[in-house]
Amino acid sequence: SFGTPVTDMDMLMGAVAQYAMRAGEKLRQHGLVAGRLTVFFHTNR
């Protein structure tokens, strides 16, 4: 979750970039590869 709402796509991409890099790191730690990626985002429900 974000500290403040994100209204700019580049800022959102900055966050998602971190998540994607961290996901890749976790895969390598477990000796795995992935075949499908899902990216999601939403407002405060």
All heavy atoms as atom14 arrays in JSON, in Angstrom:
{
  "sequence": "SFGTPVTDMDMLMGAVAQYAMRAGEKLRQHGLVAGRLTVFFHTNR",
  "atom14_mask": [
    [1, 1, 1, 1, 1, 1, 0, 0, 0, 0, 0, 0, 0, 0],
    [1, 1, 1, 1, 1, 1, 1, 1, 1, 1, 1, 0, 0, 0],
    [1, 1, 1, 1, 0, 0, 0, 0, 0, 0, 0, 0, 0, 0],
    [1, 1, 1, 1, 1, 1, 1, 0, 0, 0, 0, 0, 0, 0],
    [1, 1, 1, 1, 1, 1, 1, 0, 0, 0, 0, 0, 0, 0],
    [1, 1, 1, 1, 1, 1, 1, 0, 0, 0, 0, 0, 0, 0],
    [1, 1, 1, 1, 1, 1, 1, 0, 0, 0, 0, 0, 0, 0],
    [1, 1, 1, 1, 1, 1, 1, 1, 0, 0, 0, 0, 0, 0],
    [1, 1, 1, 1, 1, 1, 1, 1, 0, 0, 0, 0, 0, 0],
    [1, 1, 1, 1, 1, 1, 1, 1, 0, 0, 0, 0, 0, 0],
    [1, 1, 1, 1, 1, 1, 1, 1, 0, 0, 0, 0, 0, 0],
    [1, 1, 1, 1, 1, 1, 1, 1, 0, 0, 0, 0, 0, 0],
    [1, 1, 1, 1, 1, 1, 1, 1, 0, 0, 0, 0, 0, 0],
    [1, 1, 1, 1, 0, 0, 0, 0, 0, 0, 0, 0, 0, 0],
    [1, 1, 1, 1, 1, 0, 0, 0, 0, 0, 0, 0, 0, 0],
    [1, 1, 1, 1, 1, 1, 1, 0, 0, 0, 0, 0, 0, 0],
    [1, 1, 1, 1, 1, 0, 0, 0, 0, 0, 0, 0, 0, 0],
    [1, 1, 1, 1, 1, 1, 1, 1, 1, 0, 0, 0, 0, 0],
    [1, 1, 1, 1, 1, 1, 1, 1, 1, 1, 1, 1, 0, 0],
    [1, 1, 1, 1, 1, 0, 0, 0, 0, 0, 0, 0, 0, 0],
    [1, 1, 1, 1, 1, 1, 1, 1, 0, 0, 0, 0, 0, 0],
    [1, 1, 1, 1, 1, 1, 1, 1, 1, 1, 1, 0, 0, 0],
    [1, 1, 1, 1, 1, 0, 0, 0, 0, 0, 0, 0, 0, 0],
    [1, 1, 1, 1, 0, 0, 0, 0, 0, 0, 0, 0, 0, 0],
    [1, 1, 1, 1, 1, 1, 1, 1, 1, 0, 0, 0, 0, 0],
    [1, 1, 1, 1, 1, 1, 1, 1, 1, 0, 0, 0, 0, 0],
    [1, 1, 1, 1, 1, 1, 1, 1, 0, 0, 0, 0, 0, 0],
    [1, 1, 1, 1, 1, 1, 1, 1, 1, 1, 1, 0, 0, 0],
    [1, 1, 1, 1, 1, 1, 1, 1, 1, 0, 0, 0, 0, 0],
    [1, 1, 1, 1, 1, 1, 1, 1, 1, 1, 0, 0, 0, 0],
    [1, 1, 1, 1, 0, 0, 0, 0, 0, 0, 0, 0, 0, 0],
    [1, 1, 1, 1, 1, 1, 1, 1, 0, 0, 0, 0, 0, 0],
    [1, 1, 1, 1, 1, 1, 1, 0, 0, 0, 0, 0, 0, 0],
    [1, 1, 1, 1, 1, 0, 0, 0, 0, 0, 0, 0, 0, 0],
    [1, 1, 1, 1, 0, 0, 0, 0, 0, 0, 0, 0, 0, 0],
    [1, 1, 1, 1, 1, 1, 1, 1, 1, 1, 1, 0, 0, 0],
    [1, 1, 1, 1, 1, 1, 1, 1, 0, 0, 0, 0, 0, 0],
    [1, 1, 1, 1, 1, 1, 1, 0, 0, 0, 0, 0, 0, 0],
    [1, 1, 1, 1, 1, 1, 1, 0, 0, 0, 0, 0, 0, 0],
    [1, 1, 1, 1, 1, 1, 1, 1, 1, 1, 1, 0, 0, 0],
    [1, 1, 1, 1, 1, 1, 1, 1, 1, 1, 1, 0, 0, 0],
    [1, 1, 1, 1, 1, 1, 1, 1, 1, 1, 0, 0, 0, 0],
    [1, 1, 1, 1, 1, 1, 1, 0, 0, 0, 0, 0, 0, 0],
    [1, 1, 1, 1, 1, 1, 1, 1, 0, 0, 0, 0, 0, 0],
    [1, 1, 1, 1, 1, 1, 1, 1, 1, 1, 1, 0, 0, 0]
  ],
  "atom14_positions": [
    [[0.85, -1.18, 0.0], [0.0, 0.0, 0.0], [0.89, 1.24, 0.0], [2.01, 1.2, 0.52], [-0.91, 0.0, 1.23], [-1.8, -1.1, 1.21], [0.0, 0.0, 0.0], [0.0, 0.0, 0.0], [0.0, 0.0, 0.0], [0.0, 0.0, 0.0], [0.0, 0.0, 0.0], [0.0, 0.0, 0.0], [0.0, 0.0, 0.0], [0.0, 0.0, 0.0]],
    [[0.41, 2.32, -0.57], [1.19, 3.54, -0.69], [0.94, 4.48, 0.49], [-0.17, 4.52, 1.03], [0.86, 4.27, -1.99], [1.12, 3.47, -3.23], [0.29, 3.58, -4.33], [2.18, 2.58, -3.29], [0.51, 2.83, -5.48], [2.41, 1.83, -4.43], [1.58, 1.96, -5.53], [0.0, 0.0, 0.0], [0.0, 0.0, 0.0], [0.0, 0.0, 0.0]],
    [[1.98, 5.23, 0.85], [1.83, 6.2, 1.92], [0.88, 7.32, 1.56], [0.12, 7.81, 2.4], [0.0, 0.0, 0.0], [0.0, 0.0, 0.0], [0.0, 0.0, 0.0], [0.0, 0.0, 0.0], [0.0, 0.0, 0.0], [0.0, 0.0, 0.0], [0.0, 0.0, 0.0], [0.0, 0.0, 0.0], [0.0, 0.0, 0.0], [0.0, 0.0, 0.0]],
    [[0.91, 7.75, 0.32], [-0.01, 8.76, -0.2], [-0.53, 8.29, -1.55], [0.17, 7.58, -2.28], [0.69, 10.13, -0.37], [1.85, 9.97, -1.21], [1.13, 10.67, 0.98], [0.0, 0.0, 0.0], [0.0, 0.0, 0.0], [0.0, 0.0, 0.0], [0.0, 0.0, 0.0], [0.0, 0.0, 0.0], [0.0, 0.0, 0.0], [0.0, 0.0, 0.0]],
    [[-1.75, 8.66, -1.94], [-2.29, 8.23, -3.23], [-1.4, 8.66, -4.38], [-0.87, 9.77, -4.4], [-3.66, 8.91, -3.28], [-4.03, 9.13, -1.85], [-2.75, 9.43, -1.16], [0.0, 0.0, 0.0], [0.0, 0.0, 0.0], [0.0, 0.0, 0.0], [0.0, 0.0, 0.0], [0.0, 0.0, 0.0], [0.0, 0.0, 0.0], [0.0, 0.0, 0.0]],
    [[-1.25, 7.78, -5.35], [-0.42, 8.04, -6.53], [-1.33, 8.4, -7.69], [-2.25, 7.65, -8.04], [0.42, 6.8, -6.87], [1.1, 6.95, -8.22], [1.45, 6.54, -5.78], [0.0, 0.0, 0.0], [0.0, 0.0, 0.0], [0.0, 0.0, 0.0], [0.0, 0.0, 0.0], [0.0, 0.0, 0.0], [0.0, 0.0, 0.0], [0.0, 0.0, 0.0]],
    [[-1.07, 9.55, -8.3], [-1.9, 10.03, -9.41], [-1.13, 10.14, -10.72], [-1.69, 10.54, -11.73], [-2.49, 11.41, -9.07], [-1.42, 12.33, -8.78], [-3.41, 11.32, -7.85], [0.0, 0.0, 0.0], [0.0, 0.0, 0.0], [0.0, 0.0, 0.0], [0.0, 0.0, 0.0], [0.0, 0.0, 0.0], [0.0, 0.0, 0.0], [0.0, 0.0, 0.0]],
    [[0.14, 9.75, -10.7], [1.01, 9.87, -11.87], [1.48, 8.48, -12.28], [1.95, 7.7, -11.45], [2.2, 10.77, -11.54], [3.16, 10.92, -12.71], [2.85, 11.68, -13.63], [4.22, 10.25, -12.69], [0.0, 0.0, 0.0], [0.0, 0.0, 0.0], [0.0, 0.0, 0.0], [0.0, 0.0, 0.0], [0.0, 0.0, 0.0], [0.0, 0.0, 0.0]],
    [[1.38, 8.17, -13.59], [1.76, 6.83, -14.03], [3.24, 6.54, -13.82], [3.62, 5.43, -13.47], [1.39, 6.64, -15.52], [1.51, 5.17, -15.95], [1.24, 4.84, -17.7], [2.82, 5.33, -18.34], [0.0, 0.0, 0.0], [0.0, 0.0, 0.0], [0.0, 0.0, 0.0], [0.0, 0.0, 0.0], [0.0, 0.0, 0.0], [0.0, 0.0, 0.0]],
    [[4.09, 7.52, -14.04], [5.52, 7.3, -13.84], [5.83, 6.98, -12.38], [6.69, 6.14, -12.09], [6.32, 8.52, -14.3], [6.34, 8.68, -15.81], [6.12, 7.67, -16.51], [6.55, 9.81, -16.29], [0.0, 0.0, 0.0], [0.0, 0.0, 0.0], [0.0, 0.0, 0.0], [0.0, 0.0, 0.0], [0.0, 0.0, 0.0], [0.0, 0.0, 0.0]],
    [[5.14, 7.65, -11.47], [5.35, 7.35, -10.05], [4.86, 5.95, -9.71], [5.51, 5.21, -8.97], [4.63, 8.39, -9.18], [5.03, 8.32, -7.7], [4.17, 9.56, -6.7], [4.85, 11.06, -7.42], [0.0, 0.0, 0.0], [0.0, 0.0, 0.0], [0.0, 0.0, 0.0], [0.0, 0.0, 0.0], [0.0, 0.0, 0.0], [0.0, 0.0, 0.0]],
    [[3.71, 5.57, -10.27], [3.21, 4.21, -10.08], [4.19, 3.2, -10.63], [4.47, 2.17, -10.01], [1.84, 4.05, -10.76], [1.25, 2.63, -10.74], [0.97, 2.17, -9.32], [-0.03, 2.56, -11.58], [0.0, 0.0, 0.0], [0.0, 0.0, 0.0], [0.0, 0.0, 0.0], [0.0, 0.0, 0.0], [0.0, 0.0, 0.0], [0.0, 0.0, 0.0]],
    [[4.75, 3.5, -11.8], [5.71, 2.6, -12.42], [6.98, 2.46, -11.56], [7.59, 1.4, -11.52], [6.06, 3.1, -13.82], [6.74, 2.05, -14.7], [5.69, 0.6, -14.96], [6.83, -0.7, -14.47], [0.0, 0.0, 0.0], [0.0, 0.0, 0.0], [0.0, 0.0, 0.0], [0.0, 0.0, 0.0], [0.0, 0.0, 0.0], [0.0, 0.0, 0.0]],
    [[7.36, 3.54, -10.88], [8.5, 3.46, -9.99], [8.28, 2.45, -8.88], [9.17, 1.67, -8.53], [0.0, 0.0, 0.0], [0.0, 0.0, 0.0], [0.0, 0.0, 0.0], [0.0, 0.0, 0.0], [0.0, 0.0, 0.0], [0.0, 0.0, 0.0], [0.0, 0.0, 0.0], [0.0, 0.0, 0.0], [0.0, 0.0, 0.0], [0.0, 0.0, 0.0]],
    [[7.07, 2.45, -8.32], [6.73, 1.48, -7.27], [6.69, 0.07, -7.84], [7.27, -0.86, -7.27], [5.4, 1.84, -6.64], [0.0, 0.0, 0.0], [0.0, 0.0, 0.0], [0.0, 0.0, 0.0], [0.0, 0.0, 0.0], [0.0, 0.0, 0.0], [0.0, 0.0, 0.0], [0.0, 0.0, 0.0], [0.0, 0.0, 0.0], [0.0, 0.0, 0.0]],
    [[6.01, -0.1, -8.97], [5.89, -1.43, -9.56], [7.25, -1.96, -10.0], [7.51, -3.16, -9.94], [4.88, -1.41, -10.73], [4.89, -2.73, -11.49], [3.48, -1.11, -10.22], [0.0, 0.0, 0.0], [0.0, 0.0, 0.0], [0.0, 0.0, 0.0], [0.0, 0.0, 0.0], [0.0, 0.0, 0.0], [0.0, 0.0, 0.0], [0.0, 0.0, 0.0]],
    [[8.15, -1.07, -10.41], [9.5, -1.5, -10.77], [10.19, -2.15, -9.57], [10.85, -3.18, -9.7], [10.32, -0.3, -11.27], [0.0, 0.0, 0.0], [0.0, 0.0, 0.0], [0.0, 0.0, 0.0], [0.0, 0.0, 0.0], [0.0, 0.0, 0.0], [0.0, 0.0, 0.0], [0.0, 0.0, 0.0], [0.0, 0.0, 0.0], [0.0, 0.0, 0.0]],
    [[10.02, -1.55, -8.41], [10.6, -2.15, -7.21], [10.0, -3.52, -6.94], [10.72, -4.48, -6.62], [10.36, -1.25, -5.99], [10.89, -1.86, -4.7], [10.53, -1.06, -3.48], [10.58, 0.18, -3.5], [10.16, -1.73, -2.4], [0.0, 0.0, 0.0], [0.0, 0.0, 0.0], [0.0, 0.0, 0.0], [0.0, 0.0, 0.0], [0.0, 0.0, 0.0]],
    [[8.68, -3.65, -7.08], [8.03, -4.93, -6.81], [8.5, -6.01, -7.79], [8.72, -7.16, -7.41], [6.52, -4.78, -6.86], [5.96, -3.67, -6.0], [4.72, -3.1, -6.29], [6.66, -3.16, -4.91], [4.19, -2.09, -5.52], [6.14, -2.14, -4.13], [4.91, -1.6, -4.45], [4.39, -0.59, -3.7], [0.0, 0.0, 0.0], [0.0, 0.0, 0.0]],
    [[8.63, -5.63, -9.07], [9.06, -6.6, -10.08], [10.49, -7.06, -9.82], [10.8, -8.26, -9.92], [8.95, -5.98, -11.47], [0.0, 0.0, 0.0], [0.0, 0.0, 0.0], [0.0, 0.0, 0.0], [0.0, 0.0, 0.0], [0.0, 0.0, 0.0], [0.0, 0.0, 0.0], [0.0, 0.0, 0.0], [0.0, 0.0, 0.0], [0.0, 0.0, 0.0]],
    [[11.36, -6.12, -9.46], [12.75, -6.49, -9.17], [12.83, -7.37, -7.93], [13.6, -8.34, -7.88], [13.61, -5.24, -8.99], [13.74, -4.37, -10.25], [14.5, -5.23, -11.64], [16.18, -5.41, -11.04], [0.0, 0.0, 0.0], [0.0, 0.0, 0.0], [0.0, 0.0, 0.0], [0.0, 0.0, 0.0], [0.0, 0.0, 0.0], [0.0, 0.0, 0.0]],
    [[12.04, -7.05, -6.92], [12.02, -7.87, -5.7], [11.45, -9.26, -5.99], [11.95, -10.25, -5.48], [11.19, -7.16, -4.63], [10.99, -7.96, -3.35], [12.3, -8.37, -2.72], [12.06, -9.17, -1.5], [12.89, -10.1, -1.07], [14.02, -10.37, -1.74], [12.62, -10.78, 0.02], [0.0, 0.0, 0.0], [0.0, 0.0, 0.0], [0.0, 0.0, 0.0]],
    [[10.43, -9.34, -6.84], [9.87, -10.64, -7.22], [10.91, -11.5, -7.93], [11.03, -12.7, -7.67], [8.64, -10.43, -8.1], [0.0, 0.0, 0.0], [0.0, 0.0, 0.0], [0.0, 0.0, 0.0], [0.0, 0.0, 0.0], [0.0, 0.0, 0.0], [0.0, 0.0, 0.0], [0.0, 0.0, 0.0], [0.0, 0.0, 0.0], [0.0, 0.0, 0.0]],
    [[11.68, -10.88, -8.84], [12.75, -11.61, -9.51], [13.79, -12.11, -8.54], [14.29, -13.24, -8.65], [0.0, 0.0, 0.0], [0.0, 0.0, 0.0], [0.0, 0.0, 0.0], [0.0, 0.0, 0.0], [0.0, 0.0, 0.0], [0.0, 0.0, 0.0], [0.0, 0.0, 0.0], [0.0, 0.0, 0.0], [0.0, 0.0, 0.0], [0.0, 0.0, 0.0]],
    [[14.13, -11.28, -7.55], [15.1, -11.68, -6.53], [14.6, -12.88, -5.73], [15.36, -13.82, -5.46], [15.37, -10.5, -5.6], [16.45, -10.75, -4.56], [16.67, -9.54, -3.66], [16.2, -8.44, -4.0], [17.3, -9.71, -2.6], [0.0, 0.0, 0.0], [0.0, 0.0, 0.0], [0.0, 0.0, 0.0], [0.0, 0.0, 0.0], [0.0, 0.0, 0.0]],
    [[13.32, -12.88, -5.37], [12.73, -13.99, -4.63], [12.73, -15.27, -5.46], [13.01, -16.36, -4.95], [11.32, -13.65, -4.17], [11.26, -12.56, -3.1], [9.85, -12.08, -2.84], [9.0, -13.14, -2.15], [7.65, -12.59, -1.78], [0.0, 0.0, 0.0], [0.0, 0.0, 0.0], [0.0, 0.0, 0.0], [0.0, 0.0, 0.0], [0.0, 0.0, 0.0]],
    [[12.44, -15.14, -6.75], [12.49, -16.31, -7.63], [13.89, -16.92, -7.63], [14.06, -18.13, -7.52], [12.09, -15.93, -9.05], [10.61, -15.69, -9.35], [10.45, -15.21, -10.79], [9.79, -16.96, -9.15], [0.0, 0.0, 0.0], [0.0, 0.0, 0.0], [0.0, 0.0, 0.0], [0.0, 0.0, 0.0], [0.0, 0.0, 0.0], [0.0, 0.0, 0.0]],
    [[14.91, -16.07, -7.77], [16.29, -16.56, -7.84], [16.71, -17.2, -6.51], [17.44, -18.19, -6.5], [17.23, -15.43, -8.23], [16.99, -14.9, -9.64], [18.08, -13.93, -10.09], [18.1, -12.69, -9.33], [17.33, -11.64, -9.56], [16.45, -11.66, -10.56], [17.43, -10.54, -8.81], [0.0, 0.0, 0.0], [0.0, 0.0, 0.0], [0.0, 0.0, 0.0]],
    [[16.23, -16.65, -5.41], [16.55, -17.22, -4.1], [16.03, -18.64, -3.98], [16.65, -19.49, -3.34], [15.97, -16.35, -2.99], [16.7, -15.03, -2.79], [15.99, -14.14, -1.79], [14.86, -14.38, -1.38], [16.67, -13.06, -1.38], [0.0, 0.0, 0.0], [0.0, 0.0, 0.0], [0.0, 0.0, 0.0], [0.0, 0.0, 0.0], [0.0, 0.0, 0.0]],
    [[14.89, -18.91, -4.59], [14.27, -20.23, -4.52], [14.61, -21.12, -5.72], [14.11, -22.24, -5.82], [12.75, -20.1, -4.4], [12.29, -19.52, -3.09], [12.08, -20.28, -1.96], [12.02, -18.25, -2.73], [11.67, -19.5, -0.97], [11.63, -18.26, -1.41], [0.0, 0.0, 0.0], [0.0, 0.0, 0.0], [0.0, 0.0, 0.0], [0.0, 0.0, 0.0]],
    [[15.45, -20.63, -6.64], [15.83, -21.42, -7.81], [14.68, -21.68, -8.76], [14.61, -22.73, -9.37], [0.0, 0.0, 0.0], [0.0, 0.0, 0.0], [0.0, 0.0, 0.0], [0.0, 0.0, 0.0], [0.0, 0.0, 0.0], [0.0, 0.0, 0.0], [0.0, 0.0, 0.0], [0.0, 0.0, 0.0], [0.0, 0.0, 0.0], [0.0, 0.0, 0.0]],
    [[13.78, -20.69, -8.91], [12.58, -20.86, -9.72], [12.54, -19.86, -10.87], [13.23, -18.84, -10.86], [11.33, -20.67, -8.86], [11.17, -21.59, -7.64], [9.99, -21.14, -6.79], [10.96, -23.04, -8.09], [0.0, 0.0, 0.0], [0.0, 0.0, 0.0], [0.0, 0.0, 0.0], [0.0, 0.0, 0.0], [0.0, 0.0, 0.0], [0.0, 0.0, 0.0]],
    [[11.7, -20.17, -11.86], [11.33, -19.23, -12.91], [9.82, -19.19, -12.98], [9.13, -20.12, -12.54], [11.93, -19.63, -14.29], [13.43, -19.5, -14.28], [11.5, -21.03, -14.69], [0.0, 0.0, 0.0], [0.0, 0.0, 0.0], [0.0, 0.0, 0.0], [0.0, 0.0, 0.0], [0.0, 0.0, 0.0], [0.0, 0.0, 0.0], [0.0, 0.0, 0.0]],
    [[9.28, -18.09, -13.52], [7.84, -17.91, -13.63], [7.4, -17.94, -15.08], [8.15, -17.54, -15.97], [7.42, -16.6, -12.97], [0.0, 0.0, 0.0], [0.0, 0.0, 0.0], [0.0, 0.0, 0.0], [0.0, 0.0, 0.0], [0.0, 0.0, 0.0], [0.0, 0.0, 0.0], [0.0, 0.0, 0.0], [0.0, 0.0, 0.0], [0.0, 0.0, 0.0]],
    [[6.15, -18.4, -15.3], [5.59, -18.44, -16.64], [4.49, -17.43, -16.87], [4.07, -17.23, -18.02], [0.0, 0.0, 0.0], [0.0, 0.0, 0.0], [0.0, 0.0, 0.0], [0.0, 0.0, 0.0], [0.0, 0.0, 0.0], [0.0, 0.0, 0.0], [0.0, 0.0, 0.0], [0.0, 0.0, 0.0], [0.0, 0.0, 0.0], [0.0, 0.0, 0.0]],
    [[4.01, -16.79, -15.78], [2.93, -15.83, -15.94], [3.08, -14.72, -14.91], [3.41, -14.98, -13.74], [1.57, -16.52, -15.78], [0.39, -15.64, -16.17], [-0.87, -16.44, -16.4], [-1.38, -17.0, -15.16], [-1.66, -18.27, -14.94], [-1.46, -19.12, -15.91], [-2.13, -18.7, -13.79], [0.0, 0.0, 0.0], [0.0, 0.0, 0.0], [0.0, 0.0, 0.0]],
    [[2.85, -13.48, -15.34], [2.94, -12.31, -14.45], [1.61, -11.56, -14.48], [1.03, -11.34, -15.54], [4.08, -11.39, -14.89], [4.27, -10.07, -14.12], [5.75, -9.73, -14.04], [3.51, -8.9, -14.76], [0.0, 0.0, 0.0], [0.0, 0.0, 0.0], [0.0, 0.0, 0.0], [0.0, 0.0, 0.0], [0.0, 0.0, 0.0], [0.0, 0.0, 0.0]],
    [[1.15, -11.19, -13.29], [-0.04, -10.36, -13.15], [0.35, -9.08, -12.42], [0.98, -9.14, -11.36], [-1.14, -11.08, -12.37], [-1.56, -12.25, -13.09], [-2.35, -10.17, -12.17], [0.0, 0.0, 0.0], [0.0, 0.0, 0.0], [0.0, 0.0, 0.0], [0.0, 0.0, 0.0], [0.0, 0.0, 0.0], [0.0, 0.0, 0.0], [0.0, 0.0, 0.0]],
    [[-0.01, -7.94, -12.99], [0.2, -6.66, -12.33], [-1.17, -6.05, -12.05], [-2.08, -6.15, -12.87], [1.08, -5.72, -13.19], [0.42, -5.43, -14.53], [1.37, -4.41, -12.45], [0.0, 0.0, 0.0], [0.0, 0.0, 0.0], [0.0, 0.0, 0.0], [0.0, 0.0, 0.0], [0.0, 0.0, 0.0], [0.0, 0.0, 0.0], [0.0, 0.0, 0.0]],
    [[-1.33, -5.47, -10.86], [-2.61, -4.88, -10.51], [-2.41, -3.58, -9.75], [-1.34, -3.34, -9.16], [-3.44, -5.85, -9.66], [-2.98, -5.98, -8.24], [-3.45, -5.13, -7.24], [-2.05, -6.94, -7.88], [-3.01, -5.22, -5.93], [-1.59, -7.05, -6.57], [-2.08, -6.18, -5.59], [0.0, 0.0, 0.0], [0.0, 0.0, 0.0], [0.0, 0.0, 0.0]],
    [[-3.4, -2.75, -9.73], [-3.42, -1.54, -8.9], [-4.86, -1.11, -8.72], [-5.72, -1.4, -9.55], [-2.56, -0.41, -9.51], [-2.93, -0.02, -10.91], [-3.84, 1.01, -11.15], [-2.35, -0.65, -12.0], [-4.16, 1.39, -12.45], [-2.66, -0.28, -13.3], [-3.57, 0.73, -13.53], [0.0, 0.0, 0.0], [0.0, 0.0, 0.0], [0.0, 0.0, 0.0]],
    [[-5.13, -0.4, -7.61], [-6.5, 0.05, -7.37], [-6.51, 1.23, -6.4], [-5.53, 1.51, -5.69], [-7.38, -1.08, -6.84], [-6.93, -1.72, -5.56], [-7.04, -1.09, -4.32], [-6.38, -2.93, -5.3], [-6.58, -1.88, -3.39], [-6.17, -3.01, -3.95], [0.0, 0.0, 0.0], [0.0, 0.0, 0.0], [0.0, 0.0, 0.0], [0.0, 0.0, 0.0]],
    [[-7.63, 1.91, -6.35], [-7.87, 3.01, -5.42], [-8.28, 2.45, -4.06], [-8.4, 1.24, -3.88], [-8.96, 3.93, -5.96], [-10.14, 3.13, -6.26], [-8.51, 4.62, -7.25], [0.0, 0.0, 0.0], [0.0, 0.0, 0.0], [0.0, 0.0, 0.0], [0.0, 0.0, 0.0], [0.0, 0.0, 0.0], [0.0, 0.0, 0.0], [0.0, 0.0, 0.0]],
    [[-8.52, 3.37, -3.1], [-8.95, 2.97, -1.76], [-10.42, 2.58, -1.8], [-11.29, 3.42, -1.94], [-8.72, 4.11, -0.78], [-8.93, 3.68, 0.67], [-9.65, 2.73, 0.96], [-8.29, 4.38, 1.59], [0.0, 0.0, 0.0], [0.0, 0.0, 0.0], [0.0, 0.0, 0.0], [0.0, 0.0, 0.0], [0.0, 0.0, 0.0], [0.0, 0.0, 0.0]],
    [[-10.68, 1.29, -1.64], [-12.04, 0.79, -1.76], [-12.92, 1.2, -0.59], [-14.15, 1.07, -0.65], [-12.0, -0.73, -1.88], [-11.31, -1.21, -3.15], [-10.9, -2.66, -3.06], [-10.25, -3.11, -4.28], [-9.56, -4.24, -4.4], [-9.41, -5.02, -3.35], [-9.0, -4.58, -5.55], [0.0, 0.0, 0.0], [0.0, 0.0, 0.0], [0.0, 0.0, 0.0]]
  ]
}
